[in-house]
């Protein structure tokens, strides 16, 4: 079993992501780096019901390298190399989220890059786009260390990455930060799809307006949004 605090946070993150529509059914997983060359990750077990119903008991700690050995009856994600290779390549990252946000996938398949077209509507999403969002070009299952290394290479030092025909990776120093980055990416993709549906060109935000937008800090950008998402989850009975 994972550290209980990490397990609770991972389980909560999975439920939030599913409730927000970024993870359908049983697809998707969240991991947290441990302090002892381990990671805690959502596994599938005998009571698998999907991400919306993830509990702390579904989260287990495994070695960061080597053959994973989850408890009897549990299986690590097929795409465990996503988590391992990113955590090995990025010592600044503590949390990795992999989900399948439909708007992000649809926008990328339609050839619509996620650009800084919005402003105060969602400042963190705009900043992700202004920085540039890398795209891993293969729509394959990231089930080997070679593919995981290739994905980590595409991600580079960016906070998020789009996986073509597949989903996204979002990273962070905290569970809240990684989850909210995933939510912001899907918000930007939804707005991109809406704004381009008329067929008219959509301009990027001006440099002047980008410079004017403040950085409200992680307490506002991450923690408050996370708390709101958790409140919505609880209000829905999950």
Protein backbone atom coordinates (compact mmCIF):
# COMPACT_ATOMS: atom_id res chain seq x y z
CA UNK A 1 0.00 0.00 0.00
CA UNK A 2 1.10 3.52 -0.68
CA UNK A 3 1.70 6.20 1.88
CA UNK A 4 -1.85 6.81 3.06
CA UNK A 5 -1.77 10.56 2.49
CA UNK A 6 -0.56 10.14 -1.09
CA UNK A 7 -3.09 7.38 -1.70
CA UNK A 8 -5.97 9.56 -0.53
CA UNK A 9 -4.81 12.45 -2.72
CA UNK A 10 -4.36 10.24 -5.79
CA UNK A 11 -7.78 8.68 -5.30
CA UNK A 12 -9.36 12.11 -4.91
CA UNK A 13 -7.56 13.36 -8.03
CA UNK A 14 -8.88 10.42 -10.06
CA UNK A 15 -12.43 11.11 -8.91
CA UNK A 16 -12.13 14.83 -9.69
CA UNK A 17 -10.76 14.17 -13.18
CA UNK A 18 -13.49 11.67 -13.96
CA UNK A 19 -16.23 13.93 -12.59
CA UNK A 20 -14.93 16.79 -14.77
CA UNK A 21 -15.11 14.56 -17.85
CA UNK A 22 -11.37 14.11 -18.45
CA UNK A 23 -11.32 10.38 -17.73
CA UNK A 24 -13.94 8.02 -19.08
CA UNK A 25 -14.63 4.67 -17.44
CA UNK A 26 -11.39 2.94 -16.39
CA UNK A 27 -8.96 4.95 -18.54
CA UNK A 28 -6.40 7.20 -16.88
CA UNK A 29 -4.09 7.22 -13.87
CA UNK A 30 -2.28 9.51 -11.45
CA UNK A 31 1.05 8.97 -9.71
CA UNK A 32 3.03 10.66 -6.94
CA UNK A 33 6.79 10.37 -6.43
CA UNK A 34 7.87 8.93 -3.08
CA UNK A 35 10.91 9.89 -1.02
CA UNK A 36 12.60 6.49 -1.44
CA UNK A 37 12.89 5.74 -5.18
CA UNK A 38 9.26 4.70 -5.33
CA UNK A 39 6.06 6.04 -6.80
CA UNK A 40 2.46 5.59 -5.75
CA UNK A 41 0.03 4.99 -8.59
CA UNK A 42 -3.59 4.05 -9.17
CA UNK A 43 -3.82 0.35 -9.95
CA UNK A 44 -6.66 -1.83 -11.19
CA UNK A 45 -7.91 -4.39 -8.72
CA UNK A 46 -10.65 -6.92 -8.07
CA UNK A 47 -13.19 -4.17 -7.34
CA UNK A 48 -12.40 -2.04 -10.41
CA UNK A 49 -15.30 0.33 -11.15
CA UNK A 50 -13.57 3.17 -12.96
CA UNK A 51 -11.80 6.39 -12.02
CA UNK A 52 -14.91 8.06 -10.63
CA UNK A 53 -15.02 5.45 -7.87
CA UNK A 54 -11.32 5.29 -7.06
CA UNK A 55 -10.50 4.71 -3.39
CA UNK A 56 -7.22 4.88 -1.49
CA UNK A 57 -7.14 1.07 -1.49
CA UNK A 58 -6.71 1.20 -5.28
CA UNK A 59 -3.40 3.08 -4.94
CA UNK A 60 -0.15 1.19 -4.38
CA UNK A 61 3.52 1.96 -4.03
CA UNK A 62 6.01 0.39 -6.43
CA UNK A 63 9.66 0.82 -7.28
CA UNK A 64 10.52 3.67 -9.62
CA UNK A 65 12.65 1.22 -11.61
CA UNK A 66 12.63 -2.54 -12.06
CA UNK A 67 9.78 -5.05 -12.19
CA UNK A 68 6.65 -3.64 -10.54
CA UNK A 69 5.21 -5.84 -7.78
CA UNK A 70 1.77 -4.63 -6.74
CA UNK A 71 -0.17 -6.63 -4.16
CA UNK A 72 -1.92 -9.83 -5.27
CA UNK A 73 -5.05 -9.10 -7.27
CA UNK A 74 -3.84 -5.67 -8.46
CA UNK A 75 -2.24 -4.68 -11.76
CA UNK A 76 -0.24 -1.54 -12.47
CA UNK A 77 -1.35 0.58 -15.46
CA UNK A 78 -0.24 -0.70 -18.86
CA UNK A 79 1.16 2.79 -19.37
CA UNK A 80 3.22 2.82 -16.20
CA UNK A 81 6.24 3.89 -18.35
CA UNK A 82 4.57 7.30 -18.73
CA UNK A 83 4.97 7.89 -15.01
CA UNK A 84 8.32 6.20 -14.53
CA UNK A 85 10.13 7.83 -17.42
CA UNK A 86 8.81 11.33 -16.73
CA UNK A 87 9.70 11.09 -13.04
CA UNK A 88 13.16 9.76 -13.90
CA UNK A 89 13.75 12.53 -16.45
CA UNK A 90 12.24 15.35 -14.40
CA UNK A 91 13.45 15.59 -10.79
CA UNK A 92 11.36 18.78 -10.46
CA UNK A 93 8.14 16.81 -11.02
CA UNK A 94 6.41 15.07 -8.12
CA UNK A 95 3.01 14.32 -9.69
CA UNK A 96 2.08 12.93 -13.11
CA UNK A 97 -1.48 12.86 -14.45
CA UNK A 98 -2.44 10.92 -17.57
CA UNK A 99 -6.03 11.24 -18.78
CA UNK A 100 -8.03 11.36 -22.04
CA UNK A 101 -9.71 14.80 -22.23
CA UNK A 102 -12.07 14.67 -25.24
CA UNK A 103 -11.84 18.35 -26.22
CA UNK A 104 -8.03 18.30 -26.24
CA UNK A 105 -7.96 15.16 -28.37
CA UNK A 106 -10.63 16.55 -30.75
CA UNK A 107 -8.90 19.92 -31.17
CA UNK A 108 -5.54 18.32 -31.91
CA UNK A 109 -7.02 15.84 -34.40
CA UNK A 110 -8.78 18.75 -36.12
CA UNK A 111 -5.43 20.48 -36.57
CA UNK A 112 -6.24 23.21 -34.06
CA UNK A 113 -3.19 24.06 -31.95
CA UNK A 114 -3.90 25.28 -28.43
CA UNK A 115 -2.87 28.93 -28.75
CA UNK A 116 -3.16 31.86 -26.29
CA UNK A 117 -6.51 33.05 -27.64
CA UNK A 118 -8.06 33.70 -24.22
CA UNK A 119 -7.09 36.17 -21.55
CA UNK A 120 -8.62 36.78 -18.14
CA UNK A 121 -11.15 34.03 -18.91
CA UNK A 122 -8.45 31.56 -17.75
CA UNK A 123 -5.04 33.12 -17.21
CA UNK A 124 -3.17 29.89 -16.33
CA UNK A 125 -4.51 28.22 -19.50
CA UNK A 126 -3.38 31.19 -21.55
CA UNK A 127 0.10 30.96 -20.03
CA UNK A 128 0.33 27.24 -20.85
CA UNK A 129 -0.49 28.07 -24.47
CA UNK A 130 1.78 31.11 -24.61
CA UNK A 131 4.69 28.98 -23.44
CA UNK A 132 3.92 26.40 -26.12
CA UNK A 133 2.30 23.00 -25.62
CA UNK A 134 4.33 20.11 -27.04
CA UNK A 135 2.56 17.32 -28.93
CA UNK A 136 3.70 13.71 -28.88
CA UNK A 137 2.86 12.65 -32.45
CA UNK A 138 2.13 8.93 -31.99
CA UNK A 139 -1.29 7.61 -31.00
CA UNK A 140 0.09 4.46 -29.39
CA UNK A 141 -0.16 2.91 -25.95
CA UNK A 142 2.90 4.07 -23.99
CA UNK A 143 3.61 0.61 -22.66
CA UNK A 144 7.40 0.33 -22.95
CA UNK A 145 10.31 2.23 -21.46
CA UNK A 146 11.41 3.23 -24.99
CA UNK A 147 8.05 4.86 -25.71
CA UNK A 148 8.01 6.39 -22.24
CA UNK A 149 11.44 7.94 -22.82
CA UNK A 150 10.27 9.30 -26.18
CA UNK A 151 7.24 10.89 -24.53
CA UNK A 152 9.39 12.35 -21.74
CA UNK A 153 11.67 13.76 -24.42
CA UNK A 154 8.75 15.42 -26.17
CA UNK A 155 7.50 16.84 -22.87
CA UNK A 156 10.94 18.26 -22.14
CA UNK A 157 10.69 20.86 -19.38
CA UNK A 158 7.08 21.78 -20.21
CA UNK A 159 4.32 21.30 -17.62
CA UNK A 160 1.90 19.55 -20.02
CA UNK A 161 1.95 17.58 -23.25
CA UNK A 162 -0.72 16.50 -25.73
CA UNK A 163 -0.63 12.89 -26.95
CA UNK A 164 -2.08 12.78 -30.46
CA UNK A 165 -5.20 10.65 -30.77
CA UNK A 166 -4.77 9.64 -27.15
CA UNK A 167 -4.86 12.17 -24.32
CA UNK A 168 -2.55 14.33 -22.24
CA UNK A 169 0.12 14.32 -19.59
CA UNK A 170 0.10 17.01 -16.92
CA UNK A 171 2.81 17.37 -14.30
CA UNK A 172 3.18 19.30 -11.09
CA UNK A 173 4.84 19.75 -7.75
CA UNK A 174 1.52 18.95 -6.05
CA UNK A 175 -1.54 16.89 -6.88
CA UNK A 176 -3.62 20.08 -7.03
CA UNK A 177 -1.24 21.73 -9.48
CA UNK A 178 -1.08 18.76 -11.87
CA UNK A 179 -4.85 18.19 -11.82
CA UNK A 180 -5.66 21.88 -12.35
CA UNK A 181 -3.22 22.05 -15.26
CA UNK A 182 -5.11 19.17 -16.86
CA UNK A 183 -8.42 20.96 -16.23
CA UNK A 184 -7.04 24.19 -17.71
CA UNK A 185 -5.83 22.41 -20.82
CA UNK A 186 -9.29 20.94 -21.42
CA UNK A 187 -10.90 24.34 -20.78
CA UNK A 188 -8.64 25.93 -23.40
CA UNK A 189 -9.40 23.14 -25.88
CA UNK A 190 -13.15 23.53 -25.41
CA UNK A 191 -12.90 27.28 -26.03
CA UNK A 192 -10.70 26.64 -29.08
CA UNK A 193 -13.31 24.32 -30.56
CA UNK A 194 -16.13 26.77 -29.84
CA UNK A 195 -14.26 29.81 -31.14
CA UNK A 196 -13.24 28.13 -34.40
CA UNK A 197 -16.60 26.48 -35.12
CA UNK A 198 -17.70 29.43 -37.31
CA UNK A 199 -14.69 28.99 -39.55
CA UNK A 200 -13.48 32.53 -38.96
CA UNK A 201 -9.86 33.16 -37.91
CA UNK A 202 -9.34 33.51 -34.17
CA UNK A 203 -6.50 35.91 -33.28
CA UNK A 204 -4.11 35.30 -30.43
CA UNK A 205 -4.10 37.61 -27.45
CA UNK A 206 -1.91 40.66 -27.99
CA UNK A 207 1.50 40.85 -26.36
CA UNK A 208 0.29 43.97 -24.55
CA UNK A 209 -2.63 42.13 -22.99
CA UNK A 210 -0.50 39.11 -22.10
CA UNK A 211 1.97 41.39 -20.31
CA UNK A 212 -0.90 43.04 -18.42
CA UNK A 213 -2.31 39.79 -17.01
CA UNK A 214 -1.05 39.07 -13.47
CA UNK A 215 0.26 35.85 -12.02
CA UNK A 216 -2.10 35.32 -9.10
CA UNK A 217 0.08 32.59 -7.59
CA UNK A 218 -0.46 28.91 -6.81
CA UNK A 219 -2.77 29.65 -3.88
CA UNK A 220 -5.29 31.14 -6.30
CA UNK A 221 -4.42 29.38 -9.56
CA UNK A 222 -4.13 25.86 -8.13
CA UNK A 223 -5.39 25.50 -4.58
CA UNK A 224 -8.66 27.40 -4.87
CA UNK A 225 -9.55 25.75 -8.19
CA UNK A 226 -8.72 22.35 -6.68
CA UNK A 227 -10.92 23.06 -3.67
CA UNK A 228 -13.76 24.11 -5.96
CA UNK A 229 -13.41 20.92 -8.01
CA UNK A 230 -13.42 18.80 -4.86
CA UNK A 231 -16.52 20.64 -3.57
CA UNK A 232 -18.33 19.96 -6.86
CA UNK A 233 -17.36 16.30 -6.58
CA UNK A 234 -18.66 16.06 -3.02
CA UNK A 235 -21.86 17.91 -3.96
CA UNK A 236 -22.47 15.26 -6.62
CA UNK A 237 -22.14 12.54 -3.99
CA UNK A 238 -18.72 11.22 -4.95
